[in-house]
């Protein structure tokens, strides 16, 4: 039968402190969708509370490649469950590699809904300021300058995706403005499968 109208898989991409989680929440609200967050999923799998730091020695393996793959597998599994309940899905993770983005795109394709990658961008100084401010209080994210440099060095530009599937957003402006621009761009997503 026809797929759910206006459903979509939106994957957030970008470094720590680029505003992904904020944008993800606003987008999900706007779309009436579900947010699936990699940080929370990773911690759930590692057996730690959402606000406990994973940077501590016992959990140093939580960011390892194998653990990353398990985290993303679980992210996709949760995303699929939400899609099948008839809701759009926003995947809040860094999606730094083509392989990880492919998994999200395959989820959309297998469920017959459009896919969009939203890249959250901000100048390095802004990212570092946000990370410093964040270090003063425990949050769901665990990132410092090291993680930022690590992200930059391992980032694969999304050259594997068709241009219309990639939306870039500068998150230095007011979040309402960011949300409005993205909503406008996402409104161009076909409302139902097979109407292109």
C-alpha atoms as a PDB file:
ATOM      1  CA  UNK A   1       0.000   0.000   0.000  1.00  0.00           C
ATOM      2  CA  UNK A   2       1.018   3.656  -0.033  1.00  0.00           C
ATOM      3  CA  UNK A   3       3.696   4.623   2.443  1.00  0.00           C
ATOM      4  CA  UNK A   4       2.950   7.188   5.164  1.00  0.00           C
ATOM      5  CA  UNK A   5       2.650  10.672   3.674  1.00  0.00           C
ATOM      6  CA  UNK A   6       5.350  13.170   4.631  1.00  0.00           C
ATOM      7  CA  UNK A   7       7.581  10.584   6.260  1.00  0.00           C
ATOM      8  CA  UNK A   8      11.325  11.034   5.917  1.00  0.00           C
ATOM      9  CA  UNK A   9      14.633   9.922   7.419  1.00  0.00           C
ATOM     10  CA  UNK A  10      16.781  12.907   8.375  1.00  0.00           C
ATOM     11  CA  UNK A  11      20.348  12.140   9.468  1.00  0.00           C
ATOM     12  CA  UNK A  12      22.207  14.891  11.306  1.00  0.00           C
ATOM     13  CA  UNK A  13      25.919  15.226  10.618  1.00  0.00           C
ATOM     14  CA  UNK A  14      28.717  17.374  11.939  1.00  0.00           C
ATOM     15  CA  UNK A  15      31.229  17.689  14.764  1.00  0.00           C
ATOM     16  CA  UNK A  16      30.547  17.857  18.493  1.00  0.00           C
ATOM     17  CA  UNK A  17      28.980  21.165  19.590  1.00  0.00           C
ATOM     18  CA  UNK A  18      27.835  21.925  16.046  1.00  0.00           C
ATOM     19  CA  UNK A  19      24.262  22.083  17.307  1.00  0.00           C
ATOM     20  CA  UNK A  20      23.141  18.673  16.058  1.00  0.00           C
ATOM     21  CA  UNK A  21      21.049  17.728  19.092  1.00  0.00           C
ATOM     22  CA  UNK A  22      19.310  21.112  19.252  1.00  0.00           C
ATOM     23  CA  UNK A  23      18.561  21.041  15.537  1.00  0.00           C
ATOM     24  CA  UNK A  24      17.442  17.386  15.789  1.00  0.00           C
ATOM     25  CA  UNK A  25      14.926  18.195  18.539  1.00  0.00           C
ATOM     26  CA  UNK A  26      13.518  21.210  16.714  1.00  0.00           C
ATOM     27  CA  UNK A  27      13.249  19.299  13.442  1.00  0.00           C
ATOM     28  CA  UNK A  28      11.555  16.317  15.047  1.00  0.00           C
ATOM     29  CA  UNK A  29       9.047  18.649  16.698  1.00  0.00           C
ATOM     30  CA  UNK A  30       8.425  20.391  13.395  1.00  0.00           C
ATOM     31  CA  UNK A  31       7.971  17.114  11.507  1.00  0.00           C
ATOM     32  CA  UNK A  32       6.068  15.374  14.297  1.00  0.00           C
ATOM     33  CA  UNK A  33       8.821  12.793  14.287  1.00  0.00           C
ATOM     34  CA  UNK A  34      11.017  10.818  16.649  1.00  0.00           C
ATOM     35  CA  UNK A  35      14.625  11.641  17.565  1.00  0.00           C
ATOM     36  CA  UNK A  36      17.048   8.748  17.948  1.00  0.00           C
ATOM     37  CA  UNK A  37      20.249   9.986  19.576  1.00  0.00           C
ATOM     38  CA  UNK A  38      23.622   8.268  19.197  1.00  0.00           C
ATOM     39  CA  UNK A  39      25.017   9.585  22.509  1.00  0.00           C
ATOM     40  CA  UNK A  40      22.109   8.136  24.475  1.00  0.00           C
ATOM     41  CA  UNK A  41      22.178   4.903  22.468  1.00  0.00           C
ATOM     42  CA  UNK A  42      25.943   4.510  23.025  1.00  0.00           C
ATOM     43  CA  UNK A  43      25.516   5.016  26.757  1.00  0.00           C
ATOM     44  CA  UNK A  44      22.577   2.645  26.892  1.00  0.00           C
ATOM     45  CA  UNK A  45      24.722  -0.034  25.225  1.00  0.00           C
ATOM     46  CA  UNK A  46      27.667   0.709  27.533  1.00  0.00           C
ATOM     47  CA  UNK A  47      25.395   0.512  30.568  1.00  0.00           C
ATOM     48  CA  UNK A  48      26.005   4.028  31.873  1.00  0.00           C
ATOM     49  CA  UNK A  49      23.549   6.743  32.829  1.00  0.00           C
ATOM     50  CA  UNK A  50      22.938   9.374  30.154  1.00  0.00           C
ATOM     51  CA  UNK A  51      24.671  12.067  32.201  1.00  0.00           C
ATOM     52  CA  UNK A  52      27.709  10.025  33.226  1.00  0.00           C
ATOM     53  CA  UNK A  53      30.842  10.666  31.224  1.00  0.00           C
ATOM     54  CA  UNK A  54      32.094   7.978  28.887  1.00  0.00           C
ATOM     55  CA  UNK A  55      35.515   9.615  28.821  1.00  0.00           C
ATOM     56  CA  UNK A  56      36.498   7.741  31.993  1.00  0.00           C
ATOM     57  CA  UNK A  57      39.004   4.915  31.643  1.00  0.00           C
ATOM     58  CA  UNK A  58      36.603   1.977  32.179  1.00  0.00           C
ATOM     59  CA  UNK A  59      34.573   3.078  29.174  1.00  0.00           C
ATOM     60  CA  UNK A  60      37.401   4.099  26.871  1.00  0.00           C
ATOM     61  CA  UNK A  61      36.249   1.340  24.531  1.00  0.00           C
ATOM     62  CA  UNK A  62      32.864   2.988  24.026  1.00  0.00           C
ATOM     63  CA  UNK A  63      34.130   5.075  21.129  1.00  0.00           C
ATOM     64  CA  UNK A  64      36.023   2.220  19.485  1.00  0.00           C
ATOM     65  CA  UNK A  65      35.173   1.254  15.937  1.00  0.00           C
ATOM     66  CA  UNK A  66      33.314  -1.893  16.902  1.00  0.00           C
ATOM     67  CA  UNK A  67      31.315  -0.037  19.518  1.00  0.00           C
ATOM     68  CA  UNK A  68      30.545   2.721  17.027  1.00  0.00           C
ATOM     69  CA  UNK A  69      29.184   0.132  14.615  1.00  0.00           C
ATOM     70  CA  UNK A  70      27.033  -1.419  17.354  1.00  0.00           C
ATOM     71  CA  UNK A  71      25.769   2.026  18.308  1.00  0.00           C
ATOM     72  CA  UNK A  72      24.794   2.858  14.730  1.00  0.00           C
ATOM     73  CA  UNK A  73      23.198  -0.572  14.213  1.00  0.00           C
ATOM     74  CA  UNK A  74      21.033   0.090  17.253  1.00  0.00           C
ATOM     75  CA  UNK A  75      20.358   3.660  16.044  1.00  0.00           C
ATOM     76  CA  UNK A  76      19.089   2.276  12.717  1.00  0.00           C
ATOM     77  CA  UNK A  77      17.045  -0.420  14.478  1.00  0.00           C
ATOM     78  CA  UNK A  78      15.313   2.197  16.662  1.00  0.00           C
ATOM     79  CA  UNK A  79      14.838   4.432  13.636  1.00  0.00           C
ATOM     80  CA  UNK A  80      13.158   1.614  11.715  1.00  0.00           C
ATOM     81  CA  UNK A  81      10.777   0.933  14.609  1.00  0.00           C
ATOM     82  CA  UNK A  82       9.763   4.608  14.709  1.00  0.00           C
ATOM     83  CA  UNK A  83       9.293   4.742  10.917  1.00  0.00           C
ATOM     84  CA  UNK A  84       7.110   1.663  11.038  1.00  0.00           C
ATOM     85  CA  UNK A  85       4.958   3.324  13.688  1.00  0.00           C
ATOM     86  CA  UNK A  86       4.268   5.922  10.973  1.00  0.00           C
ATOM     87  CA  UNK A  87       6.538   8.732  12.147  1.00  0.00           C
ATOM     88  CA  UNK A  88       9.367  10.595  10.422  1.00  0.00           C
ATOM     89  CA  UNK A  89      12.727   9.890  12.030  1.00  0.00           C
ATOM     90  CA  UNK A  90      15.593  12.205  12.926  1.00  0.00           C
ATOM     91  CA  UNK A  91      18.889  10.401  13.576  1.00  0.00           C
ATOM     92  CA  UNK A  92      21.133  12.486  15.828  1.00  0.00           C
ATOM     93  CA  UNK A  93      24.713  11.266  15.319  1.00  0.00           C
ATOM     94  CA  UNK A  94      27.841  12.583  13.645  1.00  0.00           C
ATOM     95  CA  UNK A  95      27.622  10.384  10.514  1.00  0.00           C
ATOM     96  CA  UNK A  96      31.272  11.062   9.773  1.00  0.00           C
ATOM     97  CA  UNK A  97      31.783   8.242   7.247  1.00  0.00           C
ATOM     98  CA  UNK A  98      30.174   7.183   3.984  1.00  0.00           C
ATOM     99  CA  UNK A  99      29.566   3.734   5.470  1.00  0.00           C
ATOM    100  CA  UNK A 100      27.518   5.077   8.384  1.00  0.00           C
ATOM    101  CA  UNK A 101      25.535   7.425   6.117  1.00  0.00           C
ATOM    102  CA  UNK A 102      24.845   4.554   3.728  1.00  0.00           C
ATOM    103  CA  UNK A 103      23.186   2.609   6.546  1.00  0.00           C
ATOM    104  CA  UNK A 104      20.851   5.550   7.258  1.00  0.00           C
ATOM    105  CA  UNK A 105      20.093   6.020   3.574  1.00  0.00           C
ATOM    106  CA  UNK A 106      19.383   2.297   3.155  1.00  0.00           C
ATOM    107  CA  UNK A 107      16.936   2.528   6.054  1.00  0.00           C
ATOM    108  CA  UNK A 108      15.026   5.261   4.190  1.00  0.00           C
ATOM    109  CA  UNK A 109      15.128   3.364   0.901  1.00  0.00           C
ATOM    110  CA  UNK A 110      14.015   0.067   2.429  1.00  0.00           C
ATOM    111  CA  UNK A 111      11.025   1.812   4.028  1.00  0.00           C
ATOM    112  CA  UNK A 112      10.245   3.775   0.855  1.00  0.00           C
ATOM    113  CA  UNK A 113      10.759   7.274   2.275  1.00  0.00           C
ATOM    114  CA  UNK A 114      13.090  10.120   1.226  1.00  0.00           C
ATOM    115  CA  UNK A 115      16.484  10.609   2.886  1.00  0.00           C
ATOM    116  CA  UNK A 116      18.183  13.867   3.848  1.00  0.00           C
ATOM    117  CA  UNK A 117      21.549  14.512   5.494  1.00  0.00           C
ATOM    118  CA  UNK A 118      21.587  17.783   7.438  1.00  0.00           C
ATOM    119  CA  UNK A 119      25.146  18.992   8.027  1.00  0.00           C
ATOM    120  CA  UNK A 120      25.468  21.270  11.053  1.00  0.00           C
ATOM    121  CA  UNK A 121      28.364  23.668  10.615  1.00  0.00           C
ATOM    122  CA  UNK A 122      29.925  26.399  12.722  1.00  0.00           C
ATOM    123  CA  UNK A 123      33.352  28.070  12.799  1.00  0.00           C
ATOM    124  CA  UNK A 124      36.004  26.263  14.846  1.00  0.00           C
ATOM    125  CA  UNK A 125      36.158  29.143  17.385  1.00  0.00           C
ATOM    126  CA  UNK A 126      32.416  28.808  17.971  1.00  0.00           C
ATOM    127  CA  UNK A 127      32.694  25.040  18.417  1.00  0.00           C
ATOM    128  CA  UNK A 128      35.527  25.433  20.922  1.00  0.00           C
ATOM    129  CA  UNK A 129      33.622  28.114  22.865  1.00  0.00           C
ATOM    130  CA  UNK A 130      30.573  25.855  23.038  1.00  0.00           C
ATOM    131  CA  UNK A 131      32.696  22.875  24.126  1.00  0.00           C
ATOM    132  CA  UNK A 132      34.331  24.948  26.860  1.00  0.00           C
ATOM    133  CA  UNK A 133      30.953  26.162  28.122  1.00  0.00           C
ATOM    134  CA  UNK A 134      29.668  22.610  28.033  1.00  0.00           C
ATOM    135  CA  UNK A 135      32.639  21.260  30.023  1.00  0.00           C
ATOM    136  CA  UNK A 136      31.402  23.287  33.010  1.00  0.00           C
ATOM    137  CA  UNK A 137      28.350  21.081  33.350  1.00  0.00           C
ATOM    138  CA  UNK A 138      27.630  17.410  32.762  1.00  0.00           C
ATOM    139  CA  UNK A 139      25.660  16.877  29.571  1.00  0.00           C
ATOM    140  CA  UNK A 140      24.743  13.923  27.427  1.00  0.00           C
ATOM    141  CA  UNK A 141      27.674  14.676  25.123  1.00  0.00           C
ATOM    142  CA  UNK A 142      31.351  14.056  26.002  1.00  0.00           C
ATOM    143  CA  UNK A 143      33.497  16.128  23.766  1.00  0.00           C
ATOM    144  CA  UNK A 144      36.567  18.244  24.023  1.00  0.00           C
ATOM    145  CA  UNK A 145      39.106  19.714  21.665  1.00  0.00           C
ATOM    146  CA  UNK A 146      40.589  16.262  21.083  1.00  0.00           C
ATOM    147  CA  UNK A 147      37.281  14.895  19.847  1.00  0.00           C
ATOM    148  CA  UNK A 148      36.870  17.917  17.591  1.00  0.00           C
ATOM    149  CA  UNK A 149      40.291  17.382  16.007  1.00  0.00           C
ATOM    150  CA  UNK A 150      39.607  13.670  15.759  1.00  0.00           C
ATOM    151  CA  UNK A 151      36.325  14.403  14.000  1.00  0.00           C
ATOM    152  CA  UNK A 152      37.920  16.794  11.534  1.00  0.00           C
ATOM    153  CA  UNK A 153      40.680  14.331  10.673  1.00  0.00           C
ATOM    154  CA  UNK A 154      38.306  11.397  10.164  1.00  0.00           C
ATOM    155  CA  UNK A 155      35.484  13.285   8.428  1.00  0.00           C
ATOM    156  CA  UNK A 156      34.575  11.993   4.964  1.00  0.00           C
ATOM    157  CA  UNK A 157      32.683  14.617   2.932  1.00  0.00           C
ATOM    158  CA  UNK A 158      29.321  13.193   1.740  1.00  0.00           C
ATOM    159  CA  UNK A 159      30.382  12.925  -1.893  1.00  0.00           C
ATOM    160  CA  UNK A 160      28.534   9.622  -2.189  1.00  0.00           C
ATOM    161  CA  UNK A 161      25.152  11.361  -1.789  1.00  0.00           C
ATOM    162  CA  UNK A 162      23.172  13.136  -4.522  1.00  0.00           C
ATOM    163  CA  UNK A 163      23.394  16.906  -3.988  1.00  0.00           C
ATOM    164  CA  UNK A 164      19.692  17.355  -3.275  1.00  0.00           C
ATOM    165  CA  UNK A 165      19.920  14.972  -0.315  1.00  0.00           C
ATOM    166  CA  UNK A 166      22.476  17.129   1.518  1.00  0.00           C
ATOM    167  CA  UNK A 167      21.381  20.259   3.390  1.00  0.00           C
ATOM    168  CA  UNK A 168      24.046  22.446   4.993  1.00  0.00           C
ATOM    169  CA  UNK A 169      23.119  24.659   7.899  1.00  0.00           C
ATOM    170  CA  UNK A 170      25.178  27.242   9.756  1.00  0.00           C
ATOM    171  CA  UNK A 171      24.150  26.902  13.401  1.00  0.00           C
ATOM    172  CA  UNK A 172      25.675  30.180  14.597  1.00  0.00           C
ATOM    173  CA  UNK A 173      22.395  32.031  14.016  1.00  0.00           C
ATOM    174  CA  UNK A 174      19.284  31.924  16.226  1.00  0.00           C
ATOM    175  CA  UNK A 175      17.848  28.402  16.376  1.00  0.00           C
ATOM    176  CA  UNK A 176      14.426  29.631  15.200  1.00  0.00           C
ATOM    177  CA  UNK A 177      16.033  30.919  12.021  1.00  0.00           C
ATOM    178  CA  UNK A 178      17.948  27.674  11.504  1.00  0.00           C
ATOM    179  CA  UNK A 179      14.751  25.677  12.007  1.00  0.00           C
ATOM    180  CA  UNK A 180      12.784  27.876   9.589  1.00  0.00           C
ATOM    181  CA  UNK A 181      15.382  27.499   6.814  1.00  0.00           C
ATOM    182  CA  UNK A 182      15.594  23.743   7.249  1.00  0.00           C
ATOM    183  CA  UNK A 183      11.828  23.312   7.388  1.00  0.00           C
ATOM    184  CA  UNK A 184      11.624  25.233   4.109  1.00  0.00           C
ATOM    185  CA  UNK A 185      14.191  22.954   2.477  1.00  0.00           C
ATOM    186  CA  UNK A 186      12.601  19.814   3.894  1.00  0.00           C
ATOM    187  CA  UNK A 187       9.194  20.908   2.588  1.00  0.00           C
ATOM    188  CA  UNK A 188      10.632  20.174  -0.851  1.00  0.00           C
ATOM    189  CA  UNK A 189      10.806  16.492   0.089  1.00  0.00           C
ATOM    190  CA  UNK A 190       8.095  14.592  -1.849  1.00  0.00           C
ATOM    191  CA  UNK A 191       5.052  14.350   0.414  1.00  0.00           C
ATOM    192  CA  UNK A 192       4.280  10.748  -0.487  1.00  0.00           C
ATOM    193  CA  UNK A 193       6.110   7.892  -2.113  1.00  0.00           C
ATOM    194  CA  UNK A 194       5.695   7.674  -5.869  1.00  0.00           C
ATOM    195  CA  UNK A 195       4.536  11.245  -6.476  1.00  0.00           C
ATOM    196  CA  UNK A 196       7.788  12.540  -7.964  1.00  0.00           C
END
